[in-house]
């Protein structure tokens, strides 16, 4: 999941080298915290939040196969 998330996010932003992905694990839940340039946040969120919501859904579907839960947050 880490590689997938990194790949997708880096394809969407203007400055992919500045994207940082931190992972926190608590029990059966993994939380990914994304940090990037402020100008790239809008690109990742997408119109009406559709892009980030699609990314979250794909990660949730993948995590369900492994029996865990996933959350994706964007640092502001």
PDB file of N, CA and C in Angstrom:
ATOM      1  N   UNK A   1       0.819  -1.196   0.000  1.00  0.00           N
ATOM      2  CA  UNK A   1       0.000   0.000   0.000  1.00  0.00           C
ATOM      3  C   UNK A   1       0.859   1.255   0.000  1.00  0.00           C
ATOM      4  N   UNK A   2       1.980   1.218   0.700  1.00  0.00           N
ATOM      5  CA  UNK A   2       2.853   2.391   0.765  1.00  0.00           C
ATOM      6  C   UNK A   2       3.316   2.815  -0.616  1.00  0.00           C
ATOM      7  N   UNK A   3       3.766   1.846  -1.389  1.00  0.00           N
ATOM      8  CA  UNK A   3       4.282   2.148  -2.722  1.00  0.00           C
ATOM      9  C   UNK A   3       3.184   2.682  -3.632  1.00  0.00           C
ATOM     10  N   UNK A   4       2.005   2.091  -3.533  1.00  0.00           N
ATOM     11  CA  UNK A   4       0.873   2.533  -4.344  1.00  0.00           C
ATOM     12  C   UNK A   4       0.513   3.983  -4.021  1.00  0.00           C
ATOM     13  N   UNK A   5       0.401   4.294  -2.738  1.00  0.00           N
ATOM     14  CA  UNK A   5       0.049   5.642  -2.321  1.00  0.00           C
ATOM     15  C   UNK A   5       1.107   6.641  -2.788  1.00  0.00           C
ATOM     16  N   UNK A   6       2.368   6.307  -2.593  1.00  0.00           N
ATOM     17  CA  UNK A   6       3.455   7.202  -3.013  1.00  0.00           C
ATOM     18  C   UNK A   6       3.403   7.437  -4.532  1.00  0.00           C
ATOM     19  N   UNK A   7       3.209   6.384  -5.287  1.00  0.00           N
ATOM     20  CA  UNK A   7       3.166   6.494  -6.745  1.00  0.00           C
ATOM     21  C   UNK A   7       2.023   7.402  -7.191  1.00  0.00           C
ATOM     22  N   UNK A   8       0.842   7.169  -6.681  1.00  0.00           N
ATOM     23  CA  UNK A   8      -0.329   7.938  -7.100  1.00  0.00           C
ATOM     24  C   UNK A   8      -0.174   9.407  -6.728  1.00  0.00           C
ATOM     25  N   UNK A   9       0.234   9.675  -5.508  1.00  0.00           N
ATOM     26  CA  UNK A   9       0.366  11.062  -5.055  1.00  0.00           C
ATOM     27  C   UNK A   9       1.434  11.792  -5.872  1.00  0.00           C
ATOM     28  N   UNK A  10       2.551  11.152  -6.111  1.00  0.00           N
ATOM     29  CA  UNK A  10       3.622  11.806  -6.857  1.00  0.00           C
ATOM     30  C   UNK A  10       3.235  12.073  -8.314  1.00  0.00           C
ATOM     31  N   UNK A  11       2.328  11.297  -8.859  1.00  0.00           N
ATOM     32  CA  UNK A  11       1.866  11.540 -10.223  1.00  0.00           C
ATOM     33  C   UNK A  11       0.913  12.735 -10.304  1.00  0.00           C
ATOM     34  N   UNK A  12       0.275  13.064  -9.192  1.00  0.00           N
ATOM     35  CA  UNK A  12      -0.729  14.120  -9.195  1.00  0.00           C
ATOM     36  C   UNK A  12      -0.187  15.508  -8.868  1.00  0.00           C
ATOM     37  N   UNK A  13       0.914  15.584  -8.146  1.00  0.00           N
ATOM     38  CA  UNK A  13       1.414  16.881  -7.681  1.00  0.00           C
ATOM     39  C   UNK A  13       2.472  17.448  -8.625  1.00  0.00           C
ATOM     40  N   UNK A  14       2.720  18.750  -8.478  1.00  0.00           N
ATOM     41  CA  UNK A  14       3.705  19.424  -9.326  1.00  0.00           C
ATOM     42  C   UNK A  14       5.135  19.209  -8.821  1.00  0.00           C
ATOM     43  N   UNK A  15       5.293  19.053  -7.511  1.00  0.00           N
ATOM     44  CA  UNK A  15       6.620  18.863  -6.905  1.00  0.00           C
ATOM     45  C   UNK A  15       6.669  17.509  -6.190  1.00  0.00           C
ATOM     46  N   UNK A  16       6.809  16.415  -6.925  1.00  0.00           N
ATOM     47  CA  UNK A  16       6.756  15.082  -6.315  1.00  0.00           C
ATOM     48  C   UNK A  16       7.903  14.784  -5.353  1.00  0.00           C
ATOM     49  N   UNK A  17       9.043  15.442  -5.529  1.00  0.00           N
ATOM     50  CA  UNK A  17      10.171  15.183  -4.634  1.00  0.00           C
ATOM     51  C   UNK A  17       9.947  15.747  -3.237  1.00  0.00           C
ATOM     52  N   UNK A  18       8.983  16.634  -3.082  1.00  0.00           N
ATOM     53  CA  UNK A  18       8.720  17.257  -1.790  1.00  0.00           C
ATOM     54  C   UNK A  18       7.573  16.591  -1.028  1.00  0.00           C
ATOM     55  N   UNK A  19       7.056  15.519  -1.542  1.00  0.00           N
ATOM     56  CA  UNK A  19       5.974  14.800  -0.874  1.00  0.00           C
ATOM     57  C   UNK A  19       6.564  13.897   0.214  1.00  0.00           C
ATOM     58  N   UNK A  20       6.049  14.051   1.423  1.00  0.00           N
ATOM     59  CA  UNK A  20       6.457  13.196   2.536  1.00  0.00           C
ATOM     60  C   UNK A  20       5.245  12.402   3.002  1.00  0.00           C
ATOM     61  N   UNK A  21       5.438  11.111   3.192  1.00  0.00           N
ATOM     62  CA  UNK A  21       4.361  10.243   3.663  1.00  0.00           C
ATOM     63  C   UNK A  21       4.816   9.594   4.964  1.00  0.00           C
ATOM     64  N   UNK A  22       4.137   9.959   6.047  1.00  0.00           N
ATOM     65  CA  UNK A  22       4.428   9.363   7.346  1.00  0.00           C
ATOM     66  C   UNK A  22       3.331   8.362   7.675  1.00  0.00           C
ATOM     67  N   UNK A  23       3.721   7.288   8.292  1.00  0.00           N
ATOM     68  CA  UNK A  23       2.779   6.218   8.616  1.00  0.00           C
ATOM     69  C   UNK A  23       2.716   6.046  10.124  1.00  0.00           C
ATOM     70  N   UNK A  24       1.499   6.026  10.654  1.00  0.00           N
ATOM     71  CA  UNK A  24       1.280   5.749  12.070  1.00  0.00           C
ATOM     72  C   UNK A  24       0.404   4.512  12.168  1.00  0.00           C
ATOM     73  N   UNK A  25       0.779   3.622  13.054  1.00  0.00           N
ATOM     74  CA  UNK A  25       0.003   2.395  13.202  1.00  0.00           C
ATOM     75  C   UNK A  25      -0.479   2.291  14.639  1.00  0.00           C
ATOM     76  N   UNK A  26      -1.749   2.046  14.787  1.00  0.00           N
ATOM     77  CA  UNK A  26      -2.352   1.871  16.099  1.00  0.00           C
ATOM     78  C   UNK A  26      -3.333   0.722  16.053  1.00  0.00           C
ATOM     79  N   UNK A  27      -2.953  -0.393  16.617  1.00  0.00           N
ATOM     80  CA  UNK A  27      -3.817  -1.571  16.573  1.00  0.00           C
ATOM     81  C   UNK A  27      -3.947  -2.088  15.160  1.00  0.00           C
ATOM     82  N   UNK A  28      -5.183  -2.178  14.679  1.00  0.00           N
ATOM     83  CA  UNK A  28      -5.409  -2.672  13.317  1.00  0.00           C
ATOM     84  C   UNK A  28      -5.640  -1.538  12.322  1.00  0.00           C
ATOM     85  N   UNK A  29      -5.297  -0.290  12.706  1.00  0.00           N
ATOM     86  CA  UNK A  29      -5.518   0.860  11.828  1.00  0.00           C
ATOM     87  C   UNK A  29      -4.185   1.515  11.464  1.00  0.00           C
ATOM     88  N   UNK A  30      -4.024   1.799  10.177  1.00  0.00           N
ATOM     89  CA  UNK A  30      -2.850   2.499   9.668  1.00  0.00           C
ATOM     90  C   UNK A  30      -3.307   3.865   9.183  1.00  0.00           C
ATOM     91  N   UNK A  31      -2.631   4.912   9.640  1.00  0.00           N
ATOM     92  CA  UNK A  31      -2.941   6.266   9.210  1.00  0.00           C
ATOM     93  C   UNK A  31      -1.749   6.820   8.444  1.00  0.00           C
ATOM     94  N   UNK A  32      -1.999   7.276   7.230  1.00  0.00           N
ATOM     95  CA  UNK A  32      -0.970   7.897   6.404  1.00  0.00           C
ATOM     96  C   UNK A  32      -1.168   9.410   6.474  1.00  0.00           C
ATOM     97  N   UNK A  33      -0.107  10.128   6.837  1.00  0.00           N
ATOM     98  CA  UNK A  33      -0.135  11.582   6.890  1.00  0.00           C
ATOM     99  C   UNK A  33       0.703  12.114   5.744  1.00  0.00           C
ATOM    100  N   UNK A  34       0.067  12.845   4.835  1.00  0.00           N
ATOM    101  CA  UNK A  34       0.735  13.369   3.645  1.00  0.00           C
ATOM    102  C   UNK A  34       1.113  14.824   3.856  1.00  0.00           C
ATOM    103  N   UNK A  35       2.385  15.143   3.601  1.00  0.00           N
ATOM    104  CA  UNK A  35       2.870  16.514   3.673  1.00  0.00           C
ATOM    105  C   UNK A  35       3.428  16.899   2.315  1.00  0.00           C
ATOM    106  N   UNK A  36       3.094  18.104   1.868  1.00  0.00           N
ATOM    107  CA  UNK A  36       3.558  18.574   0.563  1.00  0.00           C
ATOM    108  C   UNK A  36       3.445  20.086   0.520  1.00  0.00           C
ATOM    109  N   UNK A  37       3.898  20.677  -0.588  1.00  0.00           N
ATOM    110  CA  UNK A  37       3.738  22.117  -0.768  1.00  0.00           C
ATOM    111  C   UNK A  37       2.267  22.488  -0.739  1.00  0.00           C
ATOM    112  N   UNK A  38       2.001  23.659  -0.193  1.00  0.00           N
ATOM    113  CA  UNK A  38       0.617  24.120  -0.096  1.00  0.00           C
ATOM    114  C   UNK A  38      -0.047  24.210  -1.475  1.00  0.00           C
ATOM    115  N   UNK A  39       0.736  24.539  -2.494  1.00  0.00           N
ATOM    116  CA  UNK A  39       0.163  24.656  -3.843  1.00  0.00           C
ATOM    117  C   UNK A  39      -0.249  23.297  -4.411  1.00  0.00           C
ATOM    118  N   UNK A  40       0.330  22.228  -3.904  1.00  0.00           N
ATOM    119  CA  UNK A  40      -0.005  20.891  -4.387  1.00  0.00           C
ATOM    120  C   UNK A  40      -1.204  20.277  -3.662  1.00  0.00           C
ATOM    121  N   UNK A  41      -1.584  20.839  -2.525  1.00  0.00           N
ATOM    122  CA  UNK A  41      -2.693  20.272  -1.753  1.00  0.00           C
ATOM    123  C   UNK A  41      -3.979  20.283  -2.573  1.00  0.00           C
ATOM    124  N   UNK A  42      -4.247  21.378  -3.249  1.00  0.00           N
ATOM    125  CA  UNK A  42      -5.459  21.478  -4.071  1.00  0.00           C
ATOM    126  C   UNK A  42      -5.483  20.463  -5.194  1.00  0.00           C
ATOM    127  N   UNK A  43      -4.322  20.207  -5.776  1.00  0.00           N
ATOM    128  CA  UNK A  43      -4.240  19.200  -6.843  1.00  0.00           C
ATOM    129  C   UNK A  43      -4.594  17.819  -6.309  1.00  0.00           C
ATOM    130  N   UNK A  44      -4.143  17.523  -5.094  1.00  0.00           N
ATOM    131  CA  UNK A  44      -4.394  16.203  -4.513  1.00  0.00           C
ATOM    132  C   UNK A  44      -5.845  16.050  -4.071  1.00  0.00           C
ATOM    133  N   UNK A  45      -6.414  17.108  -3.545  1.00  0.00           N
ATOM    134  CA  UNK A  45      -7.806  17.036  -3.089  1.00  0.00           C
ATOM    135  C   UNK A  45      -8.754  16.916  -4.271  1.00  0.00           C
ATOM    136  N   UNK A  46      -8.501  17.695  -5.308  1.00  0.00           N
ATOM    137  CA  UNK A  46      -9.358  17.634  -6.488  1.00  0.00           C
ATOM    138  C   UNK A  46     -10.636  18.430  -6.312  1.00  0.00           C
ATOM    139  N   UNK A  47     -11.373  18.542  -7.373  1.00  0.00           N
ATOM    140  CA  UNK A  47     -12.608  19.325  -7.355  1.00  0.00           C
ATOM    141  C   UNK A  47     -13.644  18.646  -6.464  1.00  0.00           C
ATOM    142  N   UNK A  48     -14.039  19.351  -5.431  1.00  0.00           N
ATOM    143  CA  UNK A  48     -15.026  18.805  -4.506  1.00  0.00           C
ATOM    144  C   UNK A  48     -14.502  17.648  -3.667  1.00  0.00           C
ATOM    145  N   UNK A  49     -13.192  17.460  -3.632  1.00  0.00           N
ATOM    146  CA  UNK A  49     -12.605  16.379  -2.841  1.00  0.00           C
ATOM    147  C   UNK A  49     -12.663  15.025  -3.516  1.00  0.00           C
ATOM    148  N   UNK A  50     -12.965  15.012  -4.794  1.00  0.00           N
ATOM    149  CA  UNK A  50     -13.168  13.737  -5.480  1.00  0.00           C
ATOM    150  C   UNK A  50     -11.882  12.915  -5.624  1.00  0.00           C
ATOM    151  N   UNK A  51     -10.753  13.582  -5.840  1.00  0.00           N
ATOM    152  CA  UNK A  51      -9.504  12.840  -6.048  1.00  0.00           C
ATOM    153  C   UNK A  51      -9.043  12.160  -4.771  1.00  0.00           C
ATOM    154  N   UNK A  52      -9.002  12.909  -3.667  1.00  0.00           N
ATOM    155  CA  UNK A  52      -8.549  12.315  -2.413  1.00  0.00           C
ATOM    156  C   UNK A  52      -9.530  11.249  -1.935  1.00  0.00           C
ATOM    157  N   UNK A  53     -10.803  11.444  -2.192  1.00  0.00           N
ATOM    158  CA  UNK A  53     -11.793  10.437  -1.799  1.00  0.00           C
ATOM    159  C   UNK A  53     -11.586   9.142  -2.579  1.00  0.00           C
ATOM    160  N   UNK A  54     -11.259   9.237  -3.859  1.00  0.00           N
ATOM    161  CA  UNK A  54     -10.997   8.046  -4.664  1.00  0.00           C
ATOM    162  C   UNK A  54      -9.756   7.306  -4.152  1.00  0.00           C
ATOM    163  N   UNK A  55      -8.723   8.059  -3.795  1.00  0.00           N
ATOM    164  CA  UNK A  55      -7.510   7.440  -3.247  1.00  0.00           C
ATOM    165  C   UNK A  55      -7.829   6.719  -1.943  1.00  0.00           C
ATOM    166  N   UNK A  56      -8.602   7.361  -1.091  1.00  0.00           N
ATOM    167  CA  UNK A  56      -8.985   6.747   0.196  1.00  0.00           C
ATOM    168  C   UNK A  56      -9.766   5.453  -0.024  1.00  0.00           C
ATOM    169  N   UNK A  57     -10.689   5.460  -0.967  1.00  0.00           N
ATOM    170  CA  UNK A  57     -11.494   4.269  -1.233  1.00  0.00           C
ATOM    171  C   UNK A  57     -10.642   3.114  -1.752  1.00  0.00           C
ATOM    172  N   UNK A  58      -9.694   3.412  -2.636  1.00  0.00           N
ATOM    173  CA  UNK A  58      -8.809   2.362  -3.146  1.00  0.00           C
ATOM    174  C   UNK A  58      -7.962   1.758  -2.024  1.00  0.00           C
ATOM    175  N   UNK A  59      -7.441   2.604  -1.146  1.00  0.00           N
ATOM    176  CA  UNK A  59      -6.642   2.092  -0.028  1.00  0.00           C
ATOM    177  C   UNK A  59      -7.493   1.281   0.946  1.00  0.00           C
ATOM    178  N   UNK A  60      -8.715   1.744   1.199  1.00  0.00           N
ATOM    179  CA  UNK A  60      -9.609   0.993   2.094  1.00  0.00           C
ATOM    180  C   UNK A  60      -9.911  -0.394   1.532  1.00  0.00           C
ATOM    181  N   UNK A  61     -10.167  -0.458   0.234  1.00  0.00           N
ATOM    182  CA  UNK A  61     -10.465  -1.745  -0.394  1.00  0.00           C
ATOM    183  C   UNK A  61      -9.268  -2.686  -0.298  1.00  0.00           C
ATOM    184  N   UNK A  62      -8.087  -2.154  -0.500  1.00  0.00           N
ATOM    185  CA  UNK A  62      -6.875  -2.964  -0.394  1.00  0.00           C
ATOM    186  C   UNK A  62      -6.635  -3.411   1.045  1.00  0.00           C
ATOM    187  N   UNK A  63      -6.896  -2.535   1.988  1.00  0.00           N
ATOM    188  CA  UNK A  63      -6.664  -2.854   3.399  1.00  0.00           C
ATOM    189  C   UNK A  63      -7.649  -3.907   3.905  1.00  0.00           C
ATOM    190  N   UNK A  64      -8.854  -3.890   3.393  1.00  0.00           N
ATOM    191  CA  UNK A  64      -9.852  -4.874   3.822  1.00  0.00           C
ATOM    192  C   UNK A  64      -9.399  -6.295   3.515  1.00  0.00           C
ATOM    193  N   UNK A  65      -8.678  -6.469   2.410  1.00  0.00           N
ATOM    194  CA  UNK A  65      -8.157  -7.790   2.073  1.00  0.00           C
ATOM    195  C   UNK A  65      -7.175  -8.282   3.122  1.00  0.00           C
ATOM    196  N   UNK A  66      -6.419  -7.321   3.713  1.00  0.00           N
ATOM    197  CA  UNK A  66      -5.433  -7.664   4.735  1.00  0.00           C
ATOM    198  C   UNK A  66      -6.026  -7.665   6.135  1.00  0.00           C
ATOM    199  N   UNK A  67      -7.299  -7.299   6.261  1.00  0.00           N
ATOM    200  CA  UNK A  67      -7.961  -7.307   7.549  1.00  0.00           C
ATOM    201  C   UNK A  67      -7.601  -6.131   8.437  1.00  0.00           C
ATOM    202  N   UNK A  68      -7.268  -5.004   7.842  1.00  0.00           N
ATOM    203  CA  UNK A  68      -6.966  -3.817   8.643  1.00  0.00           C
ATOM    204  C   UNK A  68      -7.723  -2.620   8.095  1.00  0.00           C
ATOM    205  N   UNK A  69      -7.591  -1.486   8.785  1.00  0.00           N
ATOM    206  CA  UNK A  69      -8.258  -0.255   8.377  1.00  0.00           C
ATOM    207  C   UNK A  69      -7.202   0.779   8.020  1.00  0.00           C
ATOM    208  N   UNK A  70      -7.552   1.659   7.099  1.00  0.00           N
ATOM    209  CA  UNK A  70      -6.609   2.679   6.619  1.00  0.00           C
ATOM    210  C   UNK A  70      -7.286   4.042   6.614  1.00  0.00           C
ATOM    211  N   UNK A  71      -6.511   5.066   6.964  1.00  0.00           N
ATOM    212  CA  UNK A  71      -6.972   6.454   6.873  1.00  0.00           C
ATOM    213  C   UNK A  71      -5.868   7.265   6.190  1.00  0.00           C
ATOM    214  N   UNK A  72      -6.278   8.254   5.407  1.00  0.00           N
ATOM    215  CA  UNK A  72      -5.335   9.137   4.740  1.00  0.00           C
ATOM    216  C   UNK A  72      -5.676  10.569   5.145  1.00  0.00           C
ATOM    217  N   UNK A  73      -4.680  11.274   5.697  1.00  0.00           N
ATOM    218  CA  UNK A  73      -4.870  12.652   6.116  1.00  0.00           C
ATOM    219  C   UNK A  73      -3.840  13.522   5.421  1.00  0.00           C
ATOM    220  N   UNK A  74      -4.205  14.773   5.170  1.00  0.00           N
ATOM    221  CA  UNK A  74      -3.298  15.718   4.538  1.00  0.00           C
ATOM    222  C   UNK A  74      -2.915  16.762   5.580  1.00  0.00           C
ATOM    223  N   UNK A  75      -1.611  16.916   5.819  1.00  0.00           N
ATOM    224  CA  UNK A  75      -1.116  17.915   6.761  1.00  0.00           C
ATOM    225  C   UNK A  75      -1.241  19.298   6.150  1.00  0.00           C
ATOM    226  N   UNK A  76      -1.693  20.241   6.920  1.00  0.00           N
ATOM    227  CA  UNK A  76      -1.852  21.609   6.404  1.00  0.00           C
ATOM    228  C   UNK A  76      -0.831  22.523   7.019  1.00  0.00           C
TER     229      UNK A  76
END
